[in-house]
Amino acid sequence: MADRDYGLEAWRAMLLAHKAALQAIESDVQRDGRVPLTWYDVLLELKAAGAEGLRMREVADRVVLSRTRVSRLVDDMVRAGLVHKTPDPYDGRVSWAAITEEGAAMLRATAPVYLRSIHRRFSVYLSDEDAQVVAEALRKVAQQDHGVDGD
């Protein structure tokens, strides 16, 4: 009998849980008439950055989207009045994004729905001990050096 590969099992379980929870949370938030989760994540990062905002590259680094996808997403959010985008006065290749008052209001309106849904679709299935173990393990993975190390 072959040894079980618990690392592979954990990876598969994480992917399946992520997909199921994310789809359910997105559905809850959309049903309540709020912004898509991708917009919410961008608004959350821009709010945390303060009035100066973030370079577009920094936005892409902080959310789980490609730079190209983030650029299109932010452009859509600009058209919706939730974000404003300005060119860097010192480097024409760089653009900055910052949350607007309307964006901050939408973030505040969406947060309770999002947090309730996270509890309902994810947290309720974990004891405090389980949640601590999962959080610590996933933080280790997230903080690793993602370079190729030849292993």
Protein backbone atom coordinates (compact mmCIF):
# COMPACT_ATOMS: atom_id res chain seq x y z
CA MET A 1 0.00 0.00 0.00
CA ALA A 2 1.42 3.38 -1.03
CA ASP A 3 2.03 6.08 1.54
CA ARG A 4 -0.51 8.88 1.44
CA ASP A 5 0.71 12.23 0.15
CA TYR A 6 -0.89 14.52 2.74
CA GLY A 7 0.66 17.58 1.11
CA LEU A 8 -1.11 16.77 -2.15
CA GLU A 9 -4.36 16.02 -0.29
CA ALA A 10 -4.10 19.37 1.53
CA TRP A 11 -3.45 21.18 -1.76
CA ARG A 12 -6.50 19.61 -3.42
CA ALA A 13 -8.71 20.27 -0.39
CA MET A 14 -7.55 23.91 -0.29
CA LEU A 15 -8.36 24.39 -3.99
CA LEU A 16 -11.80 22.80 -3.67
CA ALA A 17 -12.62 24.72 -0.48
CA HIS A 18 -11.43 27.98 -2.03
CA LYS A 19 -13.58 27.46 -5.11
CA ALA A 20 -16.70 26.48 -3.18
CA ALA A 21 -16.41 29.21 -0.54
CA LEU A 22 -15.53 31.93 -3.03
CA GLN A 23 -18.44 31.09 -5.33
CA ALA A 24 -20.88 31.02 -2.41
CA ILE A 25 -19.56 34.28 -0.92
CA GLU A 26 -19.63 36.00 -4.32
CA SER A 27 -23.23 34.86 -4.78
CA ASP A 28 -24.23 36.22 -1.35
CA VAL A 29 -22.57 39.58 -1.97
CA GLN A 30 -24.04 39.92 -5.47
CA ARG A 31 -27.51 38.89 -4.30
CA ASP A 32 -27.34 41.74 -1.80
CA GLY A 33 -26.58 44.15 -4.65
CA ARG A 34 -23.00 44.92 -3.65
CA VAL A 35 -19.79 45.16 -5.65
CA PRO A 36 -18.07 42.02 -6.94
CA LEU A 37 -15.50 40.52 -4.57
CA THR A 38 -12.64 41.50 -6.88
CA TRP A 39 -13.76 45.13 -6.58
CA TYR A 40 -14.17 44.77 -2.82
CA ASP A 41 -10.61 43.45 -2.48
CA VAL A 42 -9.21 46.35 -4.51
CA LEU A 43 -11.24 48.88 -2.48
CA LEU A 44 -10.04 47.29 0.76
CA GLU A 45 -6.38 47.59 -0.29
CA LEU A 46 -6.81 51.16 -1.50
CA LYS A 47 -8.58 52.17 1.72
CA ALA A 48 -5.73 50.65 3.76
CA ALA A 49 -3.19 52.59 1.65
CA GLY A 50 -4.66 55.95 2.64
CA ALA A 51 -5.20 59.10 0.60
CA GLU A 52 -2.08 58.63 -1.52
CA GLY A 53 -3.31 55.30 -2.85
CA LEU A 54 -1.16 52.67 -4.52
CA ARG A 55 0.77 52.26 -7.72
CA MET A 56 -1.08 49.93 -10.08
CA ARG A 57 1.71 47.38 -9.65
CA GLU A 58 1.21 47.49 -5.88
CA VAL A 59 -2.52 46.88 -6.32
CA ALA A 60 -1.75 43.82 -8.46
CA ASP A 61 0.73 42.55 -5.85
CA ARG A 62 -1.85 42.85 -3.06
CA VAL A 63 -4.78 41.16 -4.79
CA VAL A 64 -4.87 37.81 -6.53
CA LEU A 65 -5.10 39.11 -10.09
CA SER A 66 -2.69 39.74 -12.95
CA ARG A 67 -1.50 43.29 -13.60
CA THR A 68 -3.44 43.36 -16.87
CA ARG A 69 -6.64 42.22 -15.13
CA VAL A 70 -6.14 44.75 -12.32
CA SER A 71 -5.67 47.57 -14.82
CA ARG A 72 -8.97 46.73 -16.54
CA LEU A 73 -10.73 46.26 -13.22
CA VAL A 74 -9.52 49.62 -11.88
CA ASP A 75 -10.59 51.32 -15.13
CA ASP A 76 -14.09 49.86 -14.61
CA MET A 77 -14.05 51.08 -11.01
CA VAL A 78 -12.99 54.56 -12.17
CA ARG A 79 -16.00 54.63 -14.53
CA ALA A 80 -18.21 53.60 -11.59
CA GLY A 81 -16.82 56.48 -9.49
CA LEU A 82 -15.30 54.22 -6.81
CA VAL A 83 -11.64 54.87 -7.63
CA HIS A 84 -9.66 57.66 -9.20
CA LYS A 85 -6.50 57.09 -11.16
CA THR A 86 -3.70 59.60 -11.72
CA PRO A 87 -0.43 59.47 -13.60
CA ASP A 88 2.77 59.66 -11.57
CA PRO A 89 4.23 63.15 -12.09
CA TYR A 90 7.79 61.76 -12.05
CA ASP A 91 7.36 58.58 -14.08
CA GLY A 92 4.94 58.56 -17.00
CA ARG A 93 4.88 54.76 -17.03
CA VAL A 94 3.33 54.64 -13.56
CA SER A 95 -0.28 55.28 -12.55
CA TRP A 96 -1.65 55.65 -9.04
CA ALA A 97 -5.08 54.50 -7.88
CA ALA A 98 -6.91 55.82 -4.82
CA ILE A 99 -10.32 55.18 -3.33
CA THR A 100 -12.99 57.88 -3.68
CA GLU A 101 -15.57 58.81 -1.05
CA GLU A 102 -18.13 56.82 -3.04
CA GLY A 103 -15.73 53.85 -3.06
CA ALA A 104 -15.26 54.10 0.71
CA ALA A 105 -19.04 54.20 1.18
CA MET A 106 -19.46 51.11 -1.01
CA LEU A 107 -16.73 49.33 0.95
CA ARG A 108 -18.53 50.11 4.23
CA ALA A 109 -21.87 48.94 2.78
CA THR A 110 -20.40 45.68 1.46
CA ALA A 111 -18.30 44.76 4.50
CA PRO A 112 -21.12 43.42 6.73
CA VAL A 113 -22.48 41.21 3.94
CA TYR A 114 -19.00 39.95 3.10
CA LEU A 115 -18.09 39.21 6.72
CA ARG A 116 -21.40 37.42 7.41
CA SER A 117 -20.90 35.33 4.29
CA ILE A 118 -17.32 34.43 5.24
CA HIS A 119 -18.65 33.18 8.56
CA ARG A 120 -21.58 31.31 6.97
CA ARG A 121 -19.62 29.79 4.07
CA PHE A 122 -16.22 29.19 5.68
CA SER A 123 -15.58 29.93 9.35
CA VAL A 124 -18.57 28.00 10.69
CA TYR A 125 -16.90 24.76 9.53
CA LEU A 126 -13.75 25.36 11.59
CA SER A 127 -13.18 25.30 15.32
CA ASP A 128 -11.00 28.11 16.65
CA GLU A 129 -8.14 25.61 16.85
CA ASP A 130 -8.70 24.47 13.24
CA ALA A 131 -8.83 28.07 12.03
CA GLN A 132 -5.58 28.89 13.84
CA VAL A 133 -3.78 25.88 12.32
CA VAL A 134 -5.09 26.62 8.82
CA ALA A 135 -4.21 30.32 9.09
CA GLU A 136 -0.68 29.59 10.33
CA ALA A 137 -0.07 26.95 7.67
CA LEU A 138 -1.34 29.11 4.82
CA ARG A 139 0.67 32.11 6.06
CA LYS A 140 3.80 29.96 5.81
CA VAL A 141 2.96 29.09 2.23
CA ALA A 142 2.10 32.70 1.34
CA GLN A 143 5.33 34.06 2.85
CA GLN A 144 7.67 31.64 1.13
CA ASP A 145 10.13 32.70 -1.54
CA HIS A 146 8.35 31.79 -4.77
CA GLY A 147 11.58 31.59 -6.76
CA VAL A 148 12.74 28.34 -8.34
CA ASP A 149 15.07 26.60 -5.91
CA GLY A 150 15.82 23.46 -7.86
CA ASP A 151 13.98 21.04 -5.57
